[in-house]
Amino acid sequence: MKIECFFSRGCESKKELEENLKRALNDEGIEAEISFREVSEEEARKLGIGGSPTIWINGEDIEPGINPGGLT
């Protein structure tokens, strides 16, 4: 499993997301490749990322359709 986490500069949820994600994977015994990537507004628009943070699992947004035009 590949988990990609995208966030804007200064995202206050990044640390909490990282802790919760690692805890949940550990609790469920799931192995995954996890990455955290800071993206600019322009990169977010190109990728179709609509919020910060945004999580993709195996290349799919876990909340598709959330303002796909940039960070909120």
PDB file of N, CA and C in Angstrom:
ATOM      1  N   MET A   1       0.848  -1.172   0.000  1.00  0.00           N
ATOM      2  CA  MET A   1       0.000   0.000   0.000  1.00  0.00           C
ATOM      3  C   MET A   1       0.894   1.236   0.000  1.00  0.00           C
ATOM      4  N   LYS A   2       0.499   2.211  -0.801  1.00  0.00           N
ATOM      5  CA  LYS A   2       1.233   3.473  -0.873  1.00  0.00           C
ATOM      6  C   LYS A   2       0.314   4.596  -0.401  1.00  0.00           C
ATOM      7  N   ILE A   3       0.757   5.344   0.593  1.00  0.00           N
ATOM      8  CA  ILE A   3      -0.014   6.457   1.131  1.00  0.00           C
ATOM      9  C   ILE A   3       0.783   7.737   0.928  1.00  0.00           C
ATOM     10  N   GLU A   4       0.170   8.687   0.224  1.00  0.00           N
ATOM     11  CA  GLU A   4       0.807   9.979  -0.021  1.00  0.00           C
ATOM     12  C   GLU A   4      -0.003  11.057   0.684  1.00  0.00           C
ATOM     13  N   CYS A   5       0.669  11.868   1.471  1.00  0.00           N
ATOM     14  CA  CYS A   5       0.026  12.951   2.203  1.00  0.00           C
ATOM     15  C   CYS A   5       0.572  14.273   1.674  1.00  0.00           C
ATOM     16  N   PHE A   6      -0.324  15.127   1.217  1.00  0.00           N
ATOM     17  CA  PHE A   6       0.046  16.425   0.669  1.00  0.00           C
ATOM     18  C   PHE A   6      -0.433  17.508   1.628  1.00  0.00           C
ATOM     19  N   PHE A   7       0.390  18.522   1.813  1.00  0.00           N
ATOM     20  CA  PHE A   7       0.017  19.595   2.728  1.00  0.00           C
ATOM     21  C   PHE A   7       0.603  20.911   2.254  1.00  0.00           C
ATOM     22  N   SER A   8      -0.022  21.997   2.670  1.00  0.00           N
ATOM     23  CA  SER A   8       0.467  23.336   2.344  1.00  0.00           C
ATOM     24  C   SER A   8       1.472  23.773   3.404  1.00  0.00           C
ATOM     25  N   ARG A   9       2.269  24.754   3.052  1.00  0.00           N
ATOM     26  CA  ARG A   9       3.225  25.316   4.012  1.00  0.00           C
ATOM     27  C   ARG A   9       2.447  25.851   5.211  1.00  0.00           C
ATOM     28  N   GLY A  10       2.888  25.487   6.388  1.00  0.00           N
ATOM     29  CA  GLY A  10       2.248  25.968   7.603  1.00  0.00           C
ATOM     30  C   GLY A  10       1.001  25.201   8.007  1.00  0.00           C
ATOM     31  N   CYS A  11       0.707  24.095   7.330  1.00  0.00           N
ATOM     32  CA  CYS A  11      -0.482  23.299   7.673  1.00  0.00           C
ATOM     33  C   CYS A  11      -0.371  22.837   9.125  1.00  0.00           C
ATOM     34  N   GLU A  12      -1.335  23.237   9.931  1.00  0.00           N
ATOM     35  CA  GLU A  12      -1.304  22.916  11.356  1.00  0.00           C
ATOM     36  C   GLU A  12      -1.705  21.477  11.649  1.00  0.00           C
ATOM     37  N   SER A  13      -2.228  20.770  10.658  1.00  0.00           N
ATOM     38  CA  SER A  13      -2.690  19.395  10.860  1.00  0.00           C
ATOM     39  C   SER A  13      -1.642  18.343  10.518  1.00  0.00           C
ATOM     40  N   LYS A  14      -0.518  18.747   9.933  1.00  0.00           N
ATOM     41  CA  LYS A  14       0.472  17.772   9.453  1.00  0.00           C
ATOM     42  C   LYS A  14       0.973  16.854  10.562  1.00  0.00           C
ATOM     43  N   LYS A  15       1.403  17.410  11.668  1.00  0.00           N
ATOM     44  CA  LYS A  15       1.964  16.596  12.750  1.00  0.00           C
ATOM     45  C   LYS A  15       0.926  15.618  13.296  1.00  0.00           C
ATOM     46  N   GLU A  16      -0.287  16.105  13.532  1.00  0.00           N
ATOM     47  CA  GLU A  16      -1.353  15.245  14.045  1.00  0.00           C
ATOM     48  C   GLU A  16      -1.692  14.146  13.038  1.00  0.00           C
ATOM     49  N   LEU A  17      -1.745  14.500  11.757  1.00  0.00           N
ATOM     50  CA  LEU A  17      -2.013  13.507  10.714  1.00  0.00           C
ATOM     51  C   LEU A  17      -0.948  12.420  10.736  1.00  0.00           C
ATOM     52  N   GLU A  18       0.305  12.823  10.780  1.00  0.00           N
ATOM     53  CA  GLU A  18       1.402  11.858  10.773  1.00  0.00           C
ATOM     54  C   GLU A  18       1.299  10.902  11.962  1.00  0.00           C
ATOM     55  N   GLU A  19       1.057  11.436  13.143  1.00  0.00           N
ATOM     56  CA  GLU A  19       0.939  10.605  14.345  1.00  0.00           C
ATOM     57  C   GLU A  19      -0.250   9.657  14.250  1.00  0.00           C
ATOM     58  N   ASN A  20      -1.413  10.175  13.854  1.00  0.00           N
ATOM     59  CA  ASN A  20      -2.621   9.350  13.771  1.00  0.00           C
ATOM     60  C   ASN A  20      -2.505   8.271  12.703  1.00  0.00           C
ATOM     61  N   LEU A  21      -1.932   8.626  11.563  1.00  0.00           N
ATOM     62  CA  LEU A  21      -1.783   7.670  10.477  1.00  0.00           C
ATOM     63  C   LEU A  21      -0.863   6.526  10.886  1.00  0.00           C
ATOM     64  N   LYS A  22       0.277   6.857  11.459  1.00  0.00           N
ATOM     65  CA  LYS A  22       1.211   5.815  11.881  1.00  0.00           C
ATOM     66  C   LYS A  22       0.607   4.933  12.972  1.00  0.00           C
ATOM     67  N   ARG A  23      -0.124   5.541  13.894  1.00  0.00           N
ATOM     68  CA  ARG A  23      -0.763   4.773  14.965  1.00  0.00           C
ATOM     69  C   ARG A  23      -1.814   3.823  14.392  1.00  0.00           C
ATOM     70  N   ALA A  24      -2.648   4.316  13.482  1.00  0.00           N
ATOM     71  CA  ALA A  24      -3.704   3.489  12.893  1.00  0.00           C
ATOM     72  C   ALA A  24      -3.117   2.316  12.109  1.00  0.00           C
ATOM     73  N   LEU A  25      -2.092   2.579  11.320  1.00  0.00           N
ATOM     74  CA  LEU A  25      -1.466   1.500  10.551  1.00  0.00           C
ATOM     75  C   LEU A  25      -0.855   0.466  11.483  1.00  0.00           C
ATOM     76  N   ASN A  26      -0.192   0.923  12.533  1.00  0.00           N
ATOM     77  CA  ASN A  26       0.403   0.015  13.504  1.00  0.00           C
ATOM     78  C   ASN A  26      -0.670  -0.806  14.217  1.00  0.00           C
ATOM     79  N   ASP A  27      -1.731  -0.143  14.671  1.00  0.00           N
ATOM     80  CA  ASP A  27      -2.808  -0.838  15.384  1.00  0.00           C
ATOM     81  C   ASP A  27      -3.466  -1.907  14.525  1.00  0.00           C
ATOM     82  N   GLU A  28      -3.571  -1.648  13.221  1.00  0.00           N
ATOM     83  CA  GLU A  28      -4.224  -2.592  12.308  1.00  0.00           C
ATOM     84  C   GLU A  28      -3.241  -3.581  11.674  1.00  0.00           C
ATOM     85  N   GLY A  29      -1.958  -3.415  11.975  1.00  0.00           N
ATOM     86  CA  GLY A  29      -0.949  -4.311  11.420  1.00  0.00           C
ATOM     87  C   GLY A  29      -0.774  -4.165   9.916  1.00  0.00           C
ATOM     88  N   ILE A  30      -0.954  -2.951   9.418  1.00  0.00           N
ATOM     89  CA  ILE A  30      -0.852  -2.682   7.983  1.00  0.00           C
ATOM     90  C   ILE A  30       0.512  -2.072   7.681  1.00  0.00           C
ATOM     91  N   GLU A  31       1.184  -2.637   6.685  1.00  0.00           N
ATOM     92  CA  GLU A  31       2.450  -2.077   6.231  1.00  0.00           C
ATOM     93  C   GLU A  31       2.175  -1.196   5.029  1.00  0.00           C
ATOM     94  N   ALA A  32       2.768  -0.022   5.013  1.00  0.00           N
ATOM     95  CA  ALA A  32       2.541   0.916   3.914  1.00  0.00           C
ATOM     96  C   ALA A  32       3.766   1.789   3.717  1.00  0.00           C
ATOM     97  N   GLU A  33       3.940   2.203   2.478  1.00  0.00           N
ATOM     98  CA  GLU A  33       4.946   3.208   2.146  1.00  0.00           C
ATOM     99  C   GLU A  33       4.253   4.559   2.323  1.00  0.00           C
ATOM    100  N   ILE A  34       4.756   5.393   3.224  1.00  0.00           N
ATOM    101  CA  ILE A  34       4.119   6.677   3.526  1.00  0.00           C
ATOM    102  C   ILE A  34       5.047   7.814   3.120  1.00  0.00           C
ATOM    103  N   SER A  35       4.480   8.812   2.442  1.00  0.00           N
ATOM    104  CA  SER A  35       5.265  10.000   2.110  1.00  0.00           C
ATOM    105  C   SER A  35       4.473  11.248   2.483  1.00  0.00           C
ATOM    106  N   PHE A  36       5.199  12.281   2.874  1.00  0.00           N
ATOM    107  CA  PHE A  36       4.622  13.580   3.200  1.00  0.00           C
ATOM    108  C   PHE A  36       5.271  14.598   2.277  1.00  0.00           C
ATOM    109  N   ARG A  37       4.446  15.366   1.587  1.00  0.00           N
ATOM    110  CA  ARG A  37       4.975  16.303   0.586  1.00  0.00           C
ATOM    111  C   ARG A  37       4.295  17.660   0.709  1.00  0.00           C
ATOM    112  N   GLU A  38       5.114  18.685   0.902  1.00  0.00           N
ATOM    113  CA  GLU A  38       4.597  20.057   0.905  1.00  0.00           C
ATOM    114  C   GLU A  38       4.386  20.483  -0.541  1.00  0.00           C
ATOM    115  N   VAL A  39       3.212  21.034  -0.831  1.00  0.00           N
ATOM    116  CA  VAL A  39       2.913  21.481  -2.191  1.00  0.00           C
ATOM    117  C   VAL A  39       2.499  22.945  -2.183  1.00  0.00           C
ATOM    118  N   SER A  40       2.833  23.619  -3.268  1.00  0.00           N
ATOM    119  CA  SER A  40       2.418  25.009  -3.447  1.00  0.00           C
ATOM    120  C   SER A  40       0.987  25.029  -3.982  1.00  0.00           C
ATOM    121  N   GLU A  41       0.391  26.200  -4.003  1.00  0.00           N
ATOM    122  CA  GLU A  41      -0.960  26.362  -4.559  1.00  0.00           C
ATOM    123  C   GLU A  41      -0.983  25.890  -6.015  1.00  0.00           C
ATOM    124  N   GLU A  42       0.046  26.245  -6.770  1.00  0.00           N
ATOM    125  CA  GLU A  42       0.111  25.855  -8.190  1.00  0.00           C
ATOM    126  C   GLU A  42       0.214  24.335  -8.348  1.00  0.00           C
ATOM    127  N   GLU A  43       1.068  23.697  -7.552  1.00  0.00           N
ATOM    128  CA  GLU A  43       1.194  22.234  -7.609  1.00  0.00           C
ATOM    129  C   GLU A  43      -0.122  21.565  -7.233  1.00  0.00           C
ATOM    130  N   ALA A  44      -0.788  22.104  -6.219  1.00  0.00           N
ATOM    131  CA  ALA A  44      -2.064  21.541  -5.781  1.00  0.00           C
ATOM    132  C   ALA A  44      -3.087  21.582  -6.911  1.00  0.00           C
ATOM    133  N   ARG A  45      -3.156  22.701  -7.623  1.00  0.00           N
ATOM    134  CA  ARG A  45      -4.093  22.805  -8.749  1.00  0.00           C
ATOM    135  C   ARG A  45      -3.771  21.773  -9.822  1.00  0.00           C
ATOM    136  N   LYS A  46      -2.493  21.630 -10.157  1.00  0.00           N
ATOM    137  CA  LYS A  46      -2.078  20.673 -11.188  1.00  0.00           C
ATOM    138  C   LYS A  46      -2.420  19.238 -10.806  1.00  0.00           C
ATOM    139  N   LEU A  47      -2.275  18.921  -9.520  1.00  0.00           N
ATOM    140  CA  LEU A  47      -2.542  17.567  -9.047  1.00  0.00           C
ATOM    141  C   LEU A  47      -4.017  17.326  -8.725  1.00  0.00           C
ATOM    142  N   GLY A  48      -4.809  18.388  -8.664  1.00  0.00           N
ATOM    143  CA  GLY A  48      -6.218  18.256  -8.297  1.00  0.00           C
ATOM    144  C   GLY A  48      -6.427  18.107  -6.804  1.00  0.00           C
ATOM    145  N   ILE A  49      -5.498  18.646  -6.030  1.00  0.00           N
ATOM    146  CA  ILE A  49      -5.584  18.577  -4.570  1.00  0.00           C
ATOM    147  C   ILE A  49      -6.447  19.731  -4.083  1.00  0.00           C
ATOM    148  N   GLY A  50      -7.424  19.416  -3.233  1.00  0.00           N
ATOM    149  CA  GLY A  50      -8.373  20.432  -2.831  1.00  0.00           C
ATOM    150  C   GLY A  50      -8.293  20.899  -1.400  1.00  0.00           C
ATOM    151  N   GLY A  51      -7.401  20.362  -0.609  1.00  0.00           N
ATOM    152  CA  GLY A  51      -7.339  20.780   0.788  1.00  0.00           C
ATOM    153  C   GLY A  51      -6.022  20.372   1.410  1.00  0.00           C
ATOM    154  N   SER A  52      -5.766  20.886   2.575  1.00  0.00           N
ATOM    155  CA  SER A  52      -4.536  20.561   3.280  1.00  0.00           C
ATOM    156  C   SER A  52      -4.873  20.140   4.699  1.00  0.00           C
ATOM    157  N   PRO A  53      -4.558  18.921   5.047  1.00  0.00           N
ATOM    158  CA  PRO A  53      -3.859  17.934   4.242  1.00  0.00           C
ATOM    159  C   PRO A  53      -4.811  17.160   3.323  1.00  0.00           C
ATOM    160  N   THR A  54      -4.234  16.541   2.316  1.00  0.00           N
ATOM    161  CA  THR A  54      -4.942  15.631   1.417  1.00  0.00           C
ATOM    162  C   THR A  54      -4.207  14.304   1.455  1.00  0.00           C
ATOM    163  N   ILE A  55      -4.960  13.215   1.482  1.00  0.00           N
ATOM    164  CA  ILE A  55      -4.365  11.879   1.542  1.00  0.00           C
ATOM    165  C   ILE A  55      -4.786  11.080   0.320  1.00  0.00           C
ATOM    166  N   TRP A  56      -3.808  10.497  -0.327  1.00  0.00           N
ATOM    167  CA  TRP A  56      -4.060   9.570  -1.433  1.00  0.00           C
ATOM    168  C   TRP A  56      -3.601   8.186  -1.000  1.00  0.00           C
ATOM    169  N   ILE A  57      -4.408   7.184  -1.298  1.00  0.00           N
ATOM    170  CA  ILE A  57      -4.019   5.794  -1.076  1.00  0.00           C
ATOM    171  C   ILE A  57      -3.970   5.120  -2.433  1.00  0.00           C
ATOM    172  N   ASN A  58      -2.800   4.595  -2.753  1.00  0.00           N
ATOM    173  CA  ASN A  58      -2.562   3.967  -4.057  1.00  0.00           C
ATOM    174  C   ASN A  58      -3.010   4.873  -5.197  1.00  0.00           C
ATOM    175  N   GLY A  59      -2.691   6.169  -5.070  1.00  0.00           N
ATOM    176  CA  GLY A  59      -2.962   7.139  -6.124  1.00  0.00           C
ATOM    177  C   GLY A  59      -4.371   7.688  -6.178  1.00  0.00           C
ATOM    178  N   GLU A  60      -5.231   7.308  -5.227  1.00  0.00           N
ATOM    179  CA  GLU A  60      -6.622   7.771  -5.204  1.00  0.00           C
ATOM    180  C   GLU A  60      -6.877   8.633  -3.969  1.00  0.00           C
ATOM    181  N   ASP A  61      -7.475   9.794  -4.186  1.00  0.00           N
ATOM    182  CA  ASP A  61      -7.828  10.701  -3.091  1.00  0.00           C
ATOM    183  C   ASP A  61      -8.885  10.029  -2.217  1.00  0.00           C
ATOM    184  N   ILE A  62      -8.687  10.046  -0.900  1.00  0.00           N
ATOM    185  CA  ILE A  62      -9.672   9.415  -0.019  1.00  0.00           C
ATOM    186  C   ILE A  62     -10.932  10.265   0.139  1.00  0.00           C
ATOM    187  N   GLU A  63     -10.876  11.533  -0.286  1.00  0.00           N
ATOM    188  CA  GLU A  63     -12.038  12.421  -0.275  1.00  0.00           C
ATOM    189  C   GLU A  63     -12.142  13.111  -1.635  1.00  0.00           C
ATOM    190  N   PRO A  64     -12.472  12.355  -2.674  1.00  0.00           N
ATOM    191  CA  PRO A  64     -12.519  12.957  -4.015  1.00  0.00           C
ATOM    192  C   PRO A  64     -13.585  14.042  -4.121  1.00  0.00           C
ATOM    193  N   GLY A  65     -13.300  15.027  -4.965  1.00  0.00           N
ATOM    194  CA  GLY A  65     -14.283  16.072  -5.224  1.00  0.00           C
ATOM    195  C   GLY A  65     -14.253  17.237  -4.261  1.00  0.00           C
ATOM    196  N   ILE A  66     -13.351  17.217  -3.289  1.00  0.00           N
ATOM    197  CA  ILE A  66     -13.249  18.328  -2.344  1.00  0.00           C
ATOM    198  C   ILE A  66     -12.458  19.449  -3.009  1.00  0.00           C
ATOM    199  N   ASN A  67     -13.152  20.495  -3.491  1.00  0.00           N
ATOM    200  CA  ASN A  67     -12.512  21.666  -4.101  1.00  0.00           C
ATOM    201  C   ASN A  67     -11.255  21.285  -4.883  1.00  0.00           C
ATOM    202  N   PRO A  68     -11.383  20.540  -5.982  1.00  0.00           N
ATOM    203  CA  PRO A  68     -10.209  20.031  -6.684  1.00  0.00           C
ATOM    204  C   PRO A  68      -9.385  21.086  -7.404  1.00  0.00           C
ATOM    205  N   GLY A  69      -9.531  22.350  -7.040  1.00  0.00           N
ATOM    206  CA  GLY A  69      -8.809  23.403  -7.734  1.00  0.00           C
ATOM    207  C   GLY A  69      -7.740  24.098  -6.933  1.00  0.00           C
ATOM    208  N   GLY A  70      -7.342  23.576  -5.812  1.00  0.00           N
ATOM    209  CA  GLY A  70      -6.289  24.219  -5.034  1.00  0.00           C
ATOM    210  C   GLY A  70      -6.495  24.032  -3.550  1.00  0.00           C
ATOM    211  N   LEU A  71      -5.548  24.488  -2.785  1.00  0.00           N
ATOM    212  CA  LEU A  71      -5.573  24.301  -1.336  1.00  0.00           C
ATOM    213  C   LEU A  71      -6.597  25.197  -0.669  1.00  0.00           C
ATOM    214  N   THR A  72      -7.168  24.689   0.416  1.00  0.00           N
ATOM    215  CA  THR A  72      -8.096  25.492   1.212  1.00  0.00           C
ATOM    216  C   THR A  72      -7.611  25.541   2.638  1.00  0.00           C
TER     217      THR A  72
END
